N, C-alpha and C. Protein backbone atom coordinates (compact mmCIF):
# COMPACT_ATOMS: atom_id res chain seq x y z
N UNK A 1 -41.94 -27.27 18.33
CA UNK A 1 -42.55 -26.05 17.58
C UNK A 1 -43.91 -25.81 18.25
N UNK A 2 -44.79 -26.82 18.68
CA UNK A 2 -46.11 -26.57 19.18
C UNK A 2 -45.91 -25.94 20.58
N UNK A 3 -44.79 -26.17 21.34
CA UNK A 3 -44.76 -25.63 22.66
C UNK A 3 -44.28 -24.00 22.27
N UNK A 4 -43.68 -23.69 21.37
CA UNK A 4 -43.27 -22.41 21.00
C UNK A 4 -44.60 -21.58 20.59
N UNK A 5 -45.23 -22.29 19.65
CA UNK A 5 -46.67 -21.68 19.22
C UNK A 5 -47.44 -21.45 20.35
N UNK A 6 -47.79 -22.27 21.28
CA UNK A 6 -48.53 -22.21 22.63
C UNK A 6 -48.09 -21.18 23.41
N UNK A 7 -46.61 -20.92 23.66
CA UNK A 7 -46.11 -19.89 24.30
C UNK A 7 -46.44 -18.55 23.86
N UNK A 8 -46.45 -18.41 22.51
CA UNK A 8 -47.02 -17.06 21.93
C UNK A 8 -48.41 -17.03 22.07
N UNK A 9 -49.14 -17.88 21.50
CA UNK A 9 -50.72 -17.74 21.51
C UNK A 9 -51.26 -17.71 22.85
N UNK A 10 -50.80 -18.38 23.84
CA UNK A 10 -51.18 -18.21 25.24
C UNK A 10 -50.90 -17.03 25.97
N UNK A 11 -49.85 -16.30 25.17
CA UNK A 11 -49.29 -15.08 25.94
C UNK A 11 -48.49 -15.39 27.18
N UNK A 12 -47.91 -16.52 27.28
CA UNK A 12 -47.03 -16.95 28.30
C UNK A 12 -45.81 -16.12 28.57
N UNK A 13 -45.45 -15.40 27.51
CA UNK A 13 -44.31 -14.47 27.46
C UNK A 13 -44.47 -13.20 28.30
N UNK A 14 -45.66 -12.98 28.66
CA UNK A 14 -45.90 -11.79 29.55
C UNK A 14 -45.61 -12.04 31.02
N UNK A 15 -45.64 -13.42 31.33
CA UNK A 15 -45.25 -13.73 32.79
C UNK A 15 -43.49 -13.67 33.10
N UNK A 16 -42.84 -13.54 31.96
CA UNK A 16 -41.32 -13.69 31.91
C UNK A 16 -40.68 -12.11 32.13
N UNK A 17 -39.97 -11.99 33.19
CA UNK A 17 -39.46 -10.69 33.22
C UNK A 17 -38.37 -10.38 32.31
N UNK A 18 -38.52 -9.08 31.66
CA UNK A 18 -37.57 -8.71 30.76
C UNK A 18 -36.11 -8.49 31.20
N UNK A 19 -35.21 -8.67 30.37
CA UNK A 19 -33.72 -8.63 30.69
C UNK A 19 -33.49 -7.32 31.08
N UNK A 20 -32.61 -6.96 32.18
CA UNK A 20 -32.20 -5.73 32.74
C UNK A 20 -31.39 -5.11 31.70
N UNK A 21 -31.38 -3.54 31.81
CA UNK A 21 -30.59 -2.92 30.77
C UNK A 21 -29.14 -3.28 30.90
N UNK A 22 -28.78 -3.60 32.11
CA UNK A 22 -27.37 -4.06 32.31
C UNK A 22 -26.88 -5.12 31.43
N UNK A 23 -27.82 -6.11 31.17
CA UNK A 23 -27.51 -7.26 30.46
C UNK A 23 -28.08 -7.07 28.87
N UNK A 24 -28.55 -6.36 28.65
CA UNK A 24 -29.23 -5.86 27.26
C UNK A 24 -27.84 -5.83 26.14
N UNK A 25 -28.43 -6.17 25.04
CA UNK A 25 -27.31 -6.35 23.88
C UNK A 25 -26.42 -5.08 23.70
N UNK A 26 -27.19 -3.84 23.85
CA UNK A 26 -26.42 -2.68 23.66
C UNK A 26 -25.80 -2.08 24.91
N UNK A 27 -25.76 -2.77 26.18
CA UNK A 27 -25.13 -2.31 27.25
C UNK A 27 -23.68 -2.21 27.14
N UNK A 28 -23.06 -1.54 27.91
CA UNK A 28 -21.44 -1.52 28.02
C UNK A 28 -21.01 -2.91 28.39
N UNK A 29 -21.46 -3.72 29.41
CA UNK A 29 -21.09 -4.94 29.50
C UNK A 29 -21.01 -5.96 28.44
N UNK A 30 -22.21 -5.85 27.69
CA UNK A 30 -22.41 -6.88 26.71
C UNK A 30 -21.33 -6.39 25.47
N UNK A 31 -21.32 -5.25 25.11
CA UNK A 31 -20.47 -4.53 24.19
C UNK A 31 -19.01 -4.96 24.46
N UNK A 32 -18.53 -4.90 25.58
CA UNK A 32 -17.38 -5.34 25.99
C UNK A 32 -17.03 -6.74 25.86
N UNK A 33 -18.11 -7.55 26.25
CA UNK A 33 -17.76 -9.07 26.13
C UNK A 33 -17.74 -9.35 24.50
N UNK A 34 -18.59 -8.72 23.82
CA UNK A 34 -18.47 -8.80 22.33
C UNK A 34 -17.03 -8.54 21.83
N UNK A 35 -16.45 -7.50 22.50
CA UNK A 35 -15.08 -7.01 21.91
C UNK A 35 -14.15 -8.14 22.39
N UNK A 36 -14.28 -8.66 23.41
CA UNK A 36 -13.39 -9.70 24.07
C UNK A 36 -13.46 -10.94 23.05
N UNK A 37 -14.72 -11.19 22.75
CA UNK A 37 -14.87 -12.41 21.87
C UNK A 37 -14.25 -12.19 20.43
N UNK A 38 -14.37 -11.11 19.93
CA UNK A 38 -13.86 -10.55 18.69
C UNK A 38 -12.33 -10.64 18.84
N UNK A 39 -11.62 -10.18 19.86
CA UNK A 39 -10.21 -10.13 20.04
C UNK A 39 -9.71 -11.61 20.16
N UNK A 40 -10.39 -12.58 20.77
CA UNK A 40 -10.13 -13.98 20.96
C UNK A 40 -10.11 -14.72 19.55
N UNK A 41 -11.05 -14.25 18.65
CA UNK A 41 -11.02 -14.91 17.41
C UNK A 41 -9.92 -14.25 16.51
N UNK A 42 -9.58 -12.89 16.67
CA UNK A 42 -8.38 -12.53 15.95
C UNK A 42 -7.20 -13.29 16.27
N UNK A 43 -6.98 -13.32 17.61
CA UNK A 43 -5.75 -14.20 18.06
C UNK A 43 -5.77 -15.54 17.64
N UNK A 44 -6.99 -16.04 17.59
CA UNK A 44 -7.06 -17.53 17.14
C UNK A 44 -6.74 -17.66 15.56
N UNK A 45 -7.16 -16.49 14.70
CA UNK A 45 -6.65 -16.55 13.23
C UNK A 45 -5.33 -16.12 13.14
N UNK A 46 -4.82 -15.49 14.00
CA UNK A 46 -3.26 -15.01 13.95
C UNK A 46 -2.35 -16.27 14.34
N UNK A 47 -2.82 -17.06 15.34
CA UNK A 47 -2.17 -18.16 15.76
C UNK A 47 -2.15 -19.22 14.50
N UNK A 48 -3.39 -19.47 14.06
CA UNK A 48 -3.47 -20.36 12.72
C UNK A 48 -2.51 -19.79 11.59
N UNK A 49 -2.50 -18.52 11.27
CA UNK A 49 -1.69 -17.93 10.12
C UNK A 49 -0.29 -18.29 10.68
N UNK A 50 0.17 -17.89 11.85
CA UNK A 50 1.68 -18.18 12.06
C UNK A 50 2.05 -19.66 12.04
N UNK A 51 1.07 -20.58 12.58
CA UNK A 51 1.39 -21.92 12.53
C UNK A 51 1.34 -22.69 11.22
N UNK A 52 0.23 -22.42 10.47
CA UNK A 52 0.06 -23.09 9.31
C UNK A 52 0.63 -22.45 8.08
N UNK A 53 0.54 -21.21 7.75
CA UNK A 53 1.01 -20.52 6.84
C UNK A 53 2.60 -20.22 6.85
N UNK A 54 3.01 -19.78 8.04
CA UNK A 54 4.49 -19.47 8.09
C UNK A 54 5.29 -20.66 8.78
N UNK A 55 4.64 -21.52 9.15
CA UNK A 55 5.20 -22.91 9.73
C UNK A 55 6.15 -22.71 11.04
N UNK A 56 5.56 -21.63 11.80
CA UNK A 56 6.25 -21.45 12.98
C UNK A 56 5.67 -22.44 13.98
N UNK A 57 6.34 -23.02 14.80
CA UNK A 57 6.03 -23.96 15.69
C UNK A 57 5.02 -23.31 16.66
N UNK A 58 4.24 -24.19 17.37
CA UNK A 58 3.05 -23.68 18.32
C UNK A 58 3.64 -22.95 19.37
N UNK A 59 4.67 -23.37 19.85
CA UNK A 59 5.44 -22.82 21.02
C UNK A 59 5.86 -21.45 20.70
N UNK A 60 6.52 -21.22 19.33
CA UNK A 60 6.87 -20.06 18.86
C UNK A 60 5.96 -19.10 18.77
N UNK A 61 4.65 -19.56 18.28
CA UNK A 61 3.46 -18.47 18.21
C UNK A 61 3.16 -18.16 19.61
N UNK A 62 3.18 -19.05 20.53
CA UNK A 62 2.78 -18.58 22.01
C UNK A 62 3.80 -17.56 22.44
N UNK A 63 5.11 -17.75 22.18
CA UNK A 63 6.14 -16.86 22.52
C UNK A 63 5.93 -15.55 21.83
N UNK A 64 5.52 -15.42 20.64
CA UNK A 64 5.41 -14.11 20.00
C UNK A 64 4.19 -13.33 20.71
N UNK A 65 3.20 -14.22 20.89
CA UNK A 65 1.97 -13.48 21.58
C UNK A 65 2.18 -12.98 23.04
N UNK A 66 3.08 -13.85 23.77
CA UNK A 66 3.39 -13.51 25.06
C UNK A 66 4.30 -12.26 24.94
N UNK A 67 5.23 -12.04 24.09
CA UNK A 67 6.06 -10.93 23.90
C UNK A 67 5.42 -9.64 23.57
N UNK A 68 4.34 -10.00 22.62
CA UNK A 68 3.53 -8.76 22.16
C UNK A 68 2.63 -8.43 23.33
N UNK A 69 2.21 -9.18 24.27
CA UNK A 69 1.47 -8.83 25.32
C UNK A 69 2.25 -8.16 26.41
N UNK A 70 3.55 -8.57 26.66
CA UNK A 70 4.38 -7.91 27.42
C UNK A 70 4.75 -6.38 26.95
N UNK A 71 5.13 -6.24 25.74
CA UNK A 71 5.23 -5.04 24.98
C UNK A 71 4.11 -4.16 25.10
N UNK A 72 2.96 -4.57 24.87
CA UNK A 72 1.74 -3.69 24.88
C UNK A 72 1.52 -3.22 26.31
N UNK A 73 1.80 -4.20 27.41
CA UNK A 73 1.63 -3.81 28.69
C UNK A 73 2.69 -2.60 29.12
N UNK A 74 3.93 -2.72 28.77
CA UNK A 74 5.01 -1.75 29.00
C UNK A 74 4.50 -0.52 28.32
N UNK A 75 4.01 -0.47 27.09
CA UNK A 75 3.56 0.74 26.28
C UNK A 75 2.35 1.46 27.21
N UNK A 76 1.28 0.62 27.42
CA UNK A 76 0.33 1.20 28.12
C UNK A 76 0.76 1.75 29.64
N UNK A 77 1.70 1.03 30.29
CA UNK A 77 2.02 1.48 31.63
C UNK A 77 2.85 2.80 31.40
N UNK A 78 3.70 3.02 30.26
CA UNK A 78 4.61 4.30 30.06
C UNK A 78 3.32 5.41 29.83
N UNK A 79 2.51 5.00 28.96
CA UNK A 79 1.48 6.04 28.47
C UNK A 79 0.59 6.46 29.89
N UNK A 80 0.32 5.55 30.79
CA UNK A 80 -0.31 5.95 31.95
C UNK A 80 0.55 6.69 32.84
N UNK A 81 1.82 6.38 33.01
CA UNK A 81 2.59 7.32 33.76
C UNK A 81 2.91 8.64 33.28
N UNK A 82 2.93 8.74 31.97
CA UNK A 82 3.08 10.19 31.26
C UNK A 82 2.02 10.99 31.69
N UNK A 83 0.71 10.27 31.29
CA UNK A 83 -0.52 11.14 31.48
C UNK A 83 -0.77 11.38 33.10
N UNK A 84 -0.47 10.33 33.91
CA UNK A 84 -0.70 10.49 35.30
C UNK A 84 0.29 11.46 36.01
N UNK A 85 1.47 11.72 35.35
CA UNK A 85 2.51 12.69 35.79
C UNK A 85 2.10 14.03 35.82
N UNK A 86 0.95 14.37 35.07
CA UNK A 86 0.41 15.86 34.96
C UNK A 86 -0.58 16.01 36.10
N UNK A 87 -1.11 14.86 36.77
CA UNK A 87 -2.13 15.02 37.81
C UNK A 87 -1.38 15.25 39.19
N UNK A 88 -1.85 16.17 40.01
CA UNK A 88 -1.28 16.30 41.46
C UNK A 88 -2.44 15.83 42.20
N UNK A 89 -2.13 14.70 42.97
CA UNK A 89 -3.21 14.26 43.90
C UNK A 89 -2.89 14.46 45.32
């Protein structure tokens, strides 16, 4: 506590360089990182629900998430192909 108070009162904070805008809390990079953490928590809660509430074995939960990932990849690939078909490069 004393070190923090001295840090403020002696204005030692002025000698520290500010965080660049690239790593600021509202930057695209940090917003994307926050979204990934939120997604991981959603996946963790979904896995817990499947295994604890529905009684699906752990391997079954992994299989469901794997199949969902493959399906989502196929859908996004199809959408990308449909949208890309209109572009002449």
